[in-house]
Amino acid sequence: MDTKSVIKNLIETLINDTKREVFESMYGINSKFQIKDIGYSERNKILYIDGKIILGDIIDVSVIDPDMINFLLLDNIKYIYNDVNLNLTISFDV
């Protein structure tokens, strides 16, 4: 498995398993976070994530807020990358 896949799996596990309760409180029970693509710029210290949130039981315009996942990722990405900026693109699905 290449480094990109390992980091992708680490972040998805962090959100979907370790921080499941917090994530589901934001987006509904049975919500999932998937990373479509990920990249890292060593020079600029930027982690690029193109992700998708699959909404759970709550399918409402009020939960379609990418700022919530941005905050959750920024708060927890420090366990994988130290001192990194996040460039996040999020789409929603049901």
PDB file of N, CA and C in Angstrom:
ATOM      1  N   MET A   1       0.849  -1.173   0.000  1.00  0.00           N
ATOM      2  CA  MET A   1       0.000   0.000   0.000  1.00  0.00           C
ATOM      3  C   MET A   1       0.897   1.239   0.000  1.00  0.00           C
ATOM      4  N   ASP A   2       0.595   2.195  -0.870  1.00  0.00           N
ATOM      5  CA  ASP A   2       1.417   3.409  -0.942  1.00  0.00           C
ATOM      6  C   ASP A   2       1.061   4.387   0.179  1.00  0.00           C
ATOM      7  N   THR A   3       1.914   5.374   0.374  1.00  0.00           N
ATOM      8  CA  THR A   3       1.748   6.348   1.446  1.00  0.00           C
ATOM      9  C   THR A   3       0.435   7.102   1.337  1.00  0.00           C
ATOM     10  N   LYS A   4       0.053   7.463   0.132  1.00  0.00           N
ATOM     11  CA  LYS A   4      -1.198   8.198  -0.089  1.00  0.00           C
ATOM     12  C   LYS A   4      -2.405   7.389   0.412  1.00  0.00           C
ATOM     13  N   SER A   5      -2.426   6.103   0.116  1.00  0.00           N
ATOM     14  CA  SER A   5      -3.520   5.233   0.560  1.00  0.00           C
ATOM     15  C   SER A   5      -3.526   5.061   2.076  1.00  0.00           C
ATOM     16  N   VAL A   6      -2.349   4.975   2.665  1.00  0.00           N
ATOM     17  CA  VAL A   6      -2.242   4.838   4.116  1.00  0.00           C
ATOM     18  C   VAL A   6      -2.801   6.067   4.815  1.00  0.00           C
ATOM     19  N   ILE A   7      -2.409   7.256   4.354  1.00  0.00           N
ATOM     20  CA  ILE A   7      -2.902   8.505   4.952  1.00  0.00           C
ATOM     21  C   ILE A   7      -4.412   8.619   4.756  1.00  0.00           C
ATOM     22  N   LYS A   8      -4.894   8.288   3.569  1.00  0.00           N
ATOM     23  CA  LYS A   8      -6.332   8.315   3.284  1.00  0.00           C
ATOM     24  C   LYS A   8      -7.079   7.415   4.266  1.00  0.00           C
ATOM     25  N   ASN A   9      -6.595   6.194   4.451  1.00  0.00           N
ATOM     26  CA  ASN A   9      -7.244   5.266   5.373  1.00  0.00           C
ATOM     27  C   ASN A   9      -7.167   5.737   6.821  1.00  0.00           C
ATOM     28  N   LEU A  10      -6.040   6.336   7.210  1.00  0.00           N
ATOM     29  CA  LEU A  10      -5.910   6.870   8.566  1.00  0.00           C
ATOM     30  C   LEU A  10      -6.935   7.961   8.844  1.00  0.00           C
ATOM     31  N   ILE A  11      -7.088   8.881   7.905  1.00  0.00           N
ATOM     32  CA  ILE A  11      -8.029   9.992   8.095  1.00  0.00           C
ATOM     33  C   ILE A  11      -9.467   9.489   8.105  1.00  0.00           C
ATOM     34  N   GLU A  12      -9.806   8.587   7.184  1.00  0.00           N
ATOM     35  CA  GLU A  12     -11.168   8.038   7.165  1.00  0.00           C
ATOM     36  C   GLU A  12     -11.468   7.274   8.458  1.00  0.00           C
ATOM     37  N   THR A  13     -10.501   6.512   8.945  1.00  0.00           N
ATOM     38  CA  THR A  13     -10.690   5.789  10.206  1.00  0.00           C
ATOM     39  C   THR A  13     -10.832   6.751  11.374  1.00  0.00           C
ATOM     40  N   LEU A  14     -10.039   7.800  11.371  1.00  0.00           N
ATOM     41  CA  LEU A  14     -10.119   8.808  12.427  1.00  0.00           C
ATOM     42  C   LEU A  14     -11.520   9.410  12.502  1.00  0.00           C
ATOM     43  N   ILE A  15     -12.073   9.783  11.361  1.00  0.00           N
ATOM     44  CA  ILE A  15     -13.388  10.419  11.338  1.00  0.00           C
ATOM     45  C   ILE A  15     -14.509   9.396  11.545  1.00  0.00           C
ATOM     46  N   ASN A  16     -14.482   8.292  10.803  1.00  0.00           N
ATOM     47  CA  ASN A  16     -15.598   7.344  10.814  1.00  0.00           C
ATOM     48  C   ASN A  16     -15.636   6.419  12.026  1.00  0.00           C
ATOM     49  N   ASP A  17     -14.499   6.204  12.660  1.00  0.00           N
ATOM     50  CA  ASP A  17     -14.467   5.295  13.805  1.00  0.00           C
ATOM     51  C   ASP A  17     -14.139   6.024  15.103  1.00  0.00           C
ATOM     52  N   THR A  18     -12.967   6.630  15.163  1.00  0.00           N
ATOM     53  CA  THR A  18     -12.522   7.266  16.395  1.00  0.00           C
ATOM     54  C   THR A  18     -13.397   8.447  16.792  1.00  0.00           C
ATOM     55  N   LYS A  19     -13.767   9.279  15.832  1.00  0.00           N
ATOM     56  CA  LYS A  19     -14.582  10.476  16.100  1.00  0.00           C
ATOM     57  C   LYS A  19     -16.030  10.289  15.620  1.00  0.00           C
ATOM     58  N   ARG A  20     -16.470   9.048  15.558  1.00  0.00           N
ATOM     59  CA  ARG A  20     -17.794   8.708  15.042  1.00  0.00           C
ATOM     60  C   ARG A  20     -18.921   9.470  15.726  1.00  0.00           C
ATOM     61  N   GLU A  21     -18.893   9.510  17.037  1.00  0.00           N
ATOM     62  CA  GLU A  21     -19.965  10.172  17.787  1.00  0.00           C
ATOM     63  C   GLU A  21     -20.070  11.656  17.427  1.00  0.00           C
ATOM     64  N   VAL A  22     -18.947  12.328  17.353  1.00  0.00           N
ATOM     65  CA  VAL A  22     -18.934  13.754  17.008  1.00  0.00           C
ATOM     66  C   VAL A  22     -19.398  13.948  15.564  1.00  0.00           C
ATOM     67  N   PHE A  23     -18.870  13.130  14.657  1.00  0.00           N
ATOM     68  CA  PHE A  23     -19.231  13.236  13.242  1.00  0.00           C
ATOM     69  C   PHE A  23     -20.723  12.990  13.036  1.00  0.00           C
ATOM     70  N   GLU A  24     -21.263  11.954  13.692  1.00  0.00           N
ATOM     71  CA  GLU A  24     -22.688  11.658  13.548  1.00  0.00           C
ATOM     72  C   GLU A  24     -23.563  12.722  14.194  1.00  0.00           C
ATOM     73  N   SER A  25     -23.071  13.399  15.219  1.00  0.00           N
ATOM     74  CA  SER A  25     -23.853  14.495  15.805  1.00  0.00           C
ATOM     75  C   SER A  25     -23.947  15.674  14.833  1.00  0.00           C
ATOM     76  N   MET A  26     -22.971  15.793  13.941  1.00  0.00           N
ATOM     77  CA  MET A  26     -22.988  16.869  12.943  1.00  0.00           C
ATOM     78  C   MET A  26     -23.837  16.510  11.731  1.00  0.00           C
ATOM     79  N   TYR A  27     -23.716  15.274  11.258  1.00  0.00           N
ATOM     80  CA  TYR A  27     -24.301  14.906   9.961  1.00  0.00           C
ATOM     81  C   TYR A  27     -25.344  13.791  10.023  1.00  0.00           C
ATOM     82  N   GLY A  28     -25.661  13.293  11.208  1.00  0.00           N
ATOM     83  CA  GLY A  28     -26.697  12.276  11.353  1.00  0.00           C
ATOM     84  C   GLY A  28     -26.130  10.883  11.559  1.00  0.00           C
ATOM     85  N   ILE A  29     -26.925  10.053  12.228  1.00  0.00           N
ATOM     86  CA  ILE A  29     -26.538   8.669  12.482  1.00  0.00           C
ATOM     87  C   ILE A  29     -26.293   7.958  11.153  1.00  0.00           C
ATOM     88  N   ASN A  30     -25.271   7.137  11.114  1.00  0.00           N
ATOM     89  CA  ASN A  30     -24.865   6.356   9.936  1.00  0.00           C
ATOM     90  C   ASN A  30     -24.225   7.199   8.832  1.00  0.00           C
ATOM     91  N   SER A  31     -23.822   8.431   9.126  1.00  0.00           N
ATOM     92  CA  SER A  31     -23.082   9.248   8.158  1.00  0.00           C
ATOM     93  C   SER A  31     -21.679   8.673   7.992  1.00  0.00           C
ATOM     94  N   LYS A  32     -21.112   8.871   6.825  1.00  0.00           N
ATOM     95  CA  LYS A  32     -19.762   8.394   6.533  1.00  0.00           C
ATOM     96  C   LYS A  32     -18.982   9.489   5.824  1.00  0.00           C
ATOM     97  N   PHE A  33     -17.677   9.495   6.056  1.00  0.00           N
ATOM     98  CA  PHE A  33     -16.776  10.406   5.366  1.00  0.00           C
ATOM     99  C   PHE A  33     -15.880   9.586   4.458  1.00  0.00           C
ATOM    100  N   GLN A  34     -15.841   9.954   3.184  1.00  0.00           N
ATOM    101  CA  GLN A  34     -14.980   9.273   2.217  1.00  0.00           C
ATOM    102  C   GLN A  34     -14.046  10.291   1.580  1.00  0.00           C
ATOM    103  N   ILE A  35     -12.817   9.888   1.370  1.00  0.00           N
ATOM    104  CA  ILE A  35     -11.854  10.739   0.680  1.00  0.00           C
ATOM    105  C   ILE A  35     -11.755  10.248  -0.760  1.00  0.00           C
ATOM    106  N   LYS A  36     -12.067  11.156  -1.693  1.00  0.00           N
ATOM    107  CA  LYS A  36     -11.967  10.819  -3.112  1.00  0.00           C
ATOM    108  C   LYS A  36     -10.531  10.961  -3.600  1.00  0.00           C
ATOM    109  N   ASP A  37      -9.840  11.994  -3.111  1.00  0.00           N
ATOM    110  CA  ASP A  37      -8.447  12.216  -3.496  1.00  0.00           C
ATOM    111  C   ASP A  37      -7.750  12.972  -2.377  1.00  0.00           C
ATOM    112  N   ILE A  38      -6.459  12.753  -2.267  1.00  0.00           N
ATOM    113  CA  ILE A  38      -5.677  13.407  -1.219  1.00  0.00           C
ATOM    114  C   ILE A  38      -4.290  13.718  -1.767  1.00  0.00           C
ATOM    115  N   GLY A  39      -3.743  14.838  -1.348  1.00  0.00           N
ATOM    116  CA  GLY A  39      -2.398  15.216  -1.754  1.00  0.00           C
ATOM    117  C   GLY A  39      -1.750  16.067  -0.674  1.00  0.00           C
ATOM    118  N   TYR A  40      -0.439  16.143  -0.707  1.00  0.00           N
ATOM    119  CA  TYR A  40       0.289  16.916   0.287  1.00  0.00           C
ATOM    120  C   TYR A  40       1.421  17.674  -0.379  1.00  0.00           C
ATOM    121  N   SER A  41       1.493  18.962  -0.086  1.00  0.00           N
ATOM    122  CA  SER A  41       2.582  19.788  -0.580  1.00  0.00           C
ATOM    123  C   SER A  41       3.575  20.007   0.560  1.00  0.00           C
ATOM    124  N   GLU A  42       4.710  19.346   0.475  1.00  0.00           N
ATOM    125  CA  GLU A  42       5.750  19.470   1.498  1.00  0.00           C
ATOM    126  C   GLU A  42       6.282  20.901   1.556  1.00  0.00           C
ATOM    127  N   ARG A  43       6.426  21.492   0.403  1.00  0.00           N
ATOM    128  CA  ARG A  43       6.968  22.855   0.318  1.00  0.00           C
ATOM    129  C   ARG A  43       6.069  23.877   1.005  1.00  0.00           C
ATOM    130  N   ASN A  44       4.758  23.781   0.752  1.00  0.00           N
ATOM    131  CA  ASN A  44       3.806  24.744   1.306  1.00  0.00           C
ATOM    132  C   ASN A  44       3.136  24.272   2.585  1.00  0.00           C
ATOM    133  N   LYS A  45       3.401  23.034   2.982  1.00  0.00           N
ATOM    134  CA  LYS A  45       2.784  22.436   4.176  1.00  0.00           C
ATOM    135  C   LYS A  45       1.253  22.505   4.095  1.00  0.00           C
ATOM    136  N   ILE A  46       0.717  22.061   2.955  1.00  0.00           N
ATOM    137  CA  ILE A  46      -0.737  22.065   2.751  1.00  0.00           C
ATOM    138  C   ILE A  46      -1.186  20.641   2.439  1.00  0.00           C
ATOM    139  N   LEU A  47      -2.209  20.198   3.150  1.00  0.00           N
ATOM    140  CA  LEU A  47      -2.835  18.913   2.886  1.00  0.00           C
ATOM    141  C   LEU A  47      -4.106  19.183   2.086  1.00  0.00           C
ATOM    142  N   TYR A  48      -4.181  18.609   0.893  1.00  0.00           N
ATOM    143  CA  TYR A  48      -5.340  18.775   0.020  1.00  0.00           C
ATOM    144  C   TYR A  48      -6.227  17.540   0.145  1.00  0.00           C
ATOM    145  N   ILE A  49      -7.487  17.753   0.499  1.00  0.00           N
ATOM    146  CA  ILE A  49      -8.433  16.646   0.610  1.00  0.00           C
ATOM    147  C   ILE A  49      -9.670  16.969  -0.212  1.00  0.00           C
ATOM    148  N   ASP A  50     -10.014  16.053  -1.109  1.00  0.00           N
ATOM    149  CA  ASP A  50     -11.269  16.108  -1.847  1.00  0.00           C
ATOM    150  C   ASP A  50     -12.121  14.993  -1.260  1.00  0.00           C
ATOM    151  N   GLY A  51     -13.124  15.373  -0.473  1.00  0.00           N
ATOM    152  CA  GLY A  51     -13.895  14.386   0.260  1.00  0.00           C
ATOM    153  C   GLY A  51     -15.375  14.449  -0.028  1.00  0.00           C
ATOM    154  N   LYS A  52     -16.050  13.415   0.457  1.00  0.00           N
ATOM    155  CA  LYS A  52     -17.495  13.330   0.291  1.00  0.00           C
ATOM    156  C   LYS A  52     -18.099  12.881   1.614  1.00  0.00           C
ATOM    157  N   ILE A  53     -19.179  13.553   2.008  1.00  0.00           N
ATOM    158  CA  ILE A  53     -19.924  13.162   3.189  1.00  0.00           C
ATOM    159  C   ILE A  53     -21.202  12.485   2.720  1.00  0.00           C
ATOM    160  N   ILE A  54     -21.352  11.235   3.110  1.00  0.00           N
ATOM    161  CA  ILE A  54     -22.576  10.503   2.803  1.00  0.00           C
ATOM    162  C   ILE A  54     -23.476  10.666   4.014  1.00  0.00           C
ATOM    163  N   LEU A  55     -24.560  11.415   3.820  1.00  0.00           N
ATOM    164  CA  LEU A  55     -25.451  11.747   4.925  1.00  0.00           C
ATOM    165  C   LEU A  55     -26.175  10.511   5.435  1.00  0.00           C
ATOM    166  N   GLY A  56     -26.391  10.482   6.738  1.00  0.00           N
ATOM    167  CA  GLY A  56     -27.078   9.368   7.382  1.00  0.00           C
ATOM    168  C   GLY A  56     -28.564   9.631   7.491  1.00  0.00           C
ATOM    169  N   ASP A  57     -29.069   9.518   8.702  1.00  0.00           N
ATOM    170  CA  ASP A  57     -30.506   9.625   8.945  1.00  0.00           C
ATOM    171  C   ASP A  57     -31.060  11.034   8.760  1.00  0.00           C
ATOM    172  N   ILE A  58     -30.225  12.039   8.946  1.00  0.00           N
ATOM    173  CA  ILE A  58     -30.677  13.422   8.794  1.00  0.00           C
ATOM    174  C   ILE A  58     -30.299  13.899   7.399  1.00  0.00           C
ATOM    175  N   ILE A  59     -31.290  14.029   6.550  1.00  0.00           N
ATOM    176  CA  ILE A  59     -31.039  14.563   5.210  1.00  0.00           C
ATOM    177  C   ILE A  59     -31.808  15.873   5.141  1.00  0.00           C
ATOM    178  N   ASP A  60     -31.086  16.931   5.468  1.00  0.00           N
ATOM    179  CA  ASP A  60     -31.700  18.240   5.619  1.00  0.00           C
ATOM    180  C   ASP A  60     -30.665  19.278   5.217  1.00  0.00           C
ATOM    181  N   VAL A  61     -31.130  20.359   4.666  1.00  0.00           N
ATOM    182  CA  VAL A  61     -30.219  21.421   4.229  1.00  0.00           C
ATOM    183  C   VAL A  61     -29.406  21.977   5.401  1.00  0.00           C
ATOM    184  N   SER A  62     -29.912  21.863   6.614  1.00  0.00           N
ATOM    185  CA  SER A  62     -29.204  22.415   7.772  1.00  0.00           C
ATOM    186  C   SER A  62     -27.898  21.682   8.067  1.00  0.00           C
ATOM    187  N   VAL A  63     -27.761  20.419   7.634  1.00  0.00           N
ATOM    188  CA  VAL A  63     -26.522  19.685   7.901  1.00  0.00           C
ATOM    189  C   VAL A  63     -25.516  19.802   6.768  1.00  0.00           C
ATOM    190  N   ILE A  64     -25.911  20.412   5.681  1.00  0.00           N
ATOM    191  CA  ILE A  64     -24.991  20.555   4.545  1.00  0.00           C
ATOM    192  C   ILE A  64     -24.118  21.783   4.784  1.00  0.00           C
ATOM    193  N   ASP A  65     -23.147  21.595   5.654  1.00  0.00           N
ATOM    194  CA  ASP A  65     -22.239  22.667   6.051  1.00  0.00           C
ATOM    195  C   ASP A  65     -20.812  22.119   6.080  1.00  0.00           C
ATOM    196  N   PRO A  66     -19.996  22.437   5.081  1.00  0.00           N
ATOM    197  CA  PRO A  66     -18.623  21.911   5.054  1.00  0.00           C
ATOM    198  C   PRO A  66     -17.732  22.481   6.158  1.00  0.00           C
ATOM    199  N   ASP A  67     -18.151  23.558   6.804  1.00  0.00           N
ATOM    200  CA  ASP A  67     -17.334  24.126   7.871  1.00  0.00           C
ATOM    201  C   ASP A  67     -17.218  23.179   9.061  1.00  0.00           C
ATOM    202  N   MET A  68     -18.252  22.370   9.299  1.00  0.00           N
ATOM    203  CA  MET A  68     -18.218  21.453  10.440  1.00  0.00           C
ATOM    204  C   MET A  68     -17.146  20.382  10.256  1.00  0.00           C
ATOM    205  N   ILE A  69     -17.068  19.779   9.071  1.00  0.00           N
ATOM    206  CA  ILE A  69     -16.048  18.759   8.830  1.00  0.00           C
ATOM    207  C   ILE A  69     -14.660  19.390   8.763  1.00  0.00           C
ATOM    208  N   ASN A  70     -14.579  20.610   8.252  1.00  0.00           N
ATOM    209  CA  ASN A  70     -13.304  21.321   8.218  1.00  0.00           C
ATOM    210  C   ASN A  70     -12.763  21.503   9.641  1.00  0.00           C
ATOM    211  N   PHE A  71     -13.632  21.933  10.545  1.00  0.00           N
ATOM    212  CA  PHE A  71     -13.239  22.119  11.937  1.00  0.00           C
ATOM    213  C   PHE A  71     -12.809  20.795  12.564  1.00  0.00           C
ATOM    214  N   LEU A  72     -13.574  19.731  12.324  1.00  0.00           N
ATOM    215  CA  LEU A  72     -13.250  18.424  12.889  1.00  0.00           C
ATOM    216  C   LEU A  72     -11.918  17.902  12.354  1.00  0.00           C
ATOM    217  N   LEU A  73     -11.691  18.060  11.066  1.00  0.00           N
ATOM    218  CA  LEU A  73     -10.421  17.618  10.475  1.00  0.00           C
ATOM    219  C   LEU A  73      -9.246  18.431  11.000  1.00  0.00           C
ATOM    220  N   LEU A  74      -9.392  19.747  11.028  1.00  0.00           N
ATOM    221  CA  LEU A  74      -8.302  20.599  11.520  1.00  0.00           C
ATOM    222  C   LEU A  74      -7.952  20.274  12.966  1.00  0.00           C
ATOM    223  N   ASP A  75      -8.969  19.985  13.756  1.00  0.00           N
ATOM    224  CA  ASP A  75      -8.758  19.682  15.166  1.00  0.00           C
ATOM    225  C   ASP A  75      -8.044  18.343  15.358  1.00  0.00           C
ATOM    226  N   ASN A  76      -8.198  17.423  14.416  1.00  0.00           N
ATOM    227  CA  ASN A  76      -7.666  16.078  14.599  1.00  0.00           C
ATOM    228  C   ASN A  76      -6.535  15.692  13.657  1.00  0.00           C
ATOM    229  N   ILE A  77      -6.303  16.460  12.622  1.00  0.00           N
ATOM    230  CA  ILE A  77      -5.266  16.125  11.643  1.00  0.00           C
ATOM    231  C   ILE A  77      -3.865  16.214  12.256  1.00  0.00           C
ATOM    232  N   LYS A  78      -3.755  16.937  13.356  1.00  0.00           N
ATOM    233  CA  LYS A  78      -2.458  17.081  14.033  1.00  0.00           C
ATOM    234  C   LYS A  78      -1.907  15.742  14.510  1.00  0.00           C
ATOM    235  N   TYR A  79      -2.766  14.728  14.621  1.00  0.00           N
ATOM    236  CA  TYR A  79      -2.302  13.403  15.019  1.00  0.00           C
ATOM    237  C   TYR A  79      -1.590  12.692  13.871  1.00  0.00           C
ATOM    238  N   ILE A  80      -1.800  13.175  12.644  1.00  0.00           N
ATOM    239  CA  ILE A  80      -1.171  12.570  11.469  1.00  0.00           C
ATOM    240  C   ILE A  80      -0.095  13.490  10.899  1.00  0.00           C
ATOM    241  N   TYR A  81      -0.425  14.785  10.760  1.00  0.00           N
ATOM    242  CA  TYR A  81       0.517  15.785  10.249  1.00  0.00           C
ATOM    243  C   TYR A  81       0.672  16.879  11.288  1.00  0.00           C
ATOM    244  N   ASN A  82       1.896  17.269  11.524  1.00  0.00           N
ATOM    245  CA  ASN A  82       2.179  18.342  12.456  1.00  0.00           C
ATOM    246  C   ASN A  82       2.334  19.648  11.675  1.00  0.00           C
ATOM    247  N   ASP A  83       1.656  20.700  12.122  1.00  0.00           N
ATOM    248  CA  ASP A  83       1.787  22.034  11.530  1.00  0.00           C
ATOM    249  C   ASP A  83       1.476  22.035  10.036  1.00  0.00           C
ATOM    250  N   VAL A  84       0.226  21.766   9.698  1.00  0.00           N
ATOM    251  CA  VAL A  84      -0.192  21.707   8.301  1.00  0.00           C
ATOM    252  C   VAL A  84      -1.456  22.551   8.109  1.00  0.00           C
ATOM    253  N   ASN A  85      -1.552  23.150   6.950  1.00  0.00           N
ATOM    254  CA  ASN A  85      -2.777  23.849   6.563  1.00  0.00           C
ATOM    255  C   ASN A  85      -3.630  22.867   5.771  1.00  0.00           C
ATOM    256  N   LEU A  86      -4.935  23.076   5.795  1.00  0.00           N
ATOM    257  CA  LEU A  86      -5.858  22.164   5.144  1.00  0.00           C
ATOM    258  C   LEU A  86      -6.597  22.878   4.031  1.00  0.00           C
ATOM    259  N   ASN A  87      -6.585  22.278   2.854  1.00  0.00           N
ATOM    260  CA  ASN A  87      -7.373  22.763   1.724  1.00  0.00           C
ATOM    261  C   ASN A  87      -8.394  21.668   1.442  1.00  0.00           C
ATOM    262  N   LEU A  88      -9.655  21.931   1.789  1.00  0.00           N
ATOM    263  CA  LEU A  88     -10.692  20.913   1.776  1.00  0.00           C
ATOM    264  C   LEU A  88     -11.784  21.242   0.774  1.00  0.00           C
ATOM    265  N   THR A  89     -12.112  20.261  -0.054  1.00  0.00           N
ATOM    266  CA  THR A  89     -13.236  20.358  -0.971  1.00  0.00           C
ATOM    267  C   THR A  89     -14.199  19.241  -0.592  1.00  0.00           C
ATOM    268  N   ILE A  90     -15.431  19.608  -0.297  1.00  0.00           N
ATOM    269  CA  ILE A  90     -16.416  18.631   0.183  1.00  0.00           C
ATOM    270  C   ILE A  90     -17.646  18.625  -0.704  1.00  0.00           C
ATOM    271  N   SER A  91     -18.139  17.414  -0.990  1.00  0.00           N
ATOM    272  CA  SER A  91     -19.440  17.256  -1.629  1.00  0.00           C
ATOM    273  C   SER A  91     -20.290  16.403  -0.711  1.00  0.00           C
ATOM    274  N   PHE A  92     -21.590  16.434  -0.923  1.00  0.00           N
ATOM    275  CA  PHE A  92     -22.535  15.685  -0.100  1.00  0.00           C
ATOM    276  C   PHE A  92     -23.292  14.697  -0.947  1.00  0.00           C
ATOM    277  N   ASP A  93     -23.625  13.565  -0.352  1.00  0.00           N
ATOM    278  CA  ASP A  93     -24.363  12.513  -1.047  1.00  0.00           C
ATOM    279  C   ASP A  93     -25.339  11.874  -0.052  1.00  0.00           C
ATOM    280  N   VAL A  94     -26.312  11.165  -0.572  1.00  0.00           N
ATOM    281  CA  VAL A  94     -27.267  10.450   0.287  1.00  0.00           C
ATOM    282  C   VAL A  94     -27.267   8.978  -0.033  1.00  0.00           C
TER     283      VAL A  94
END
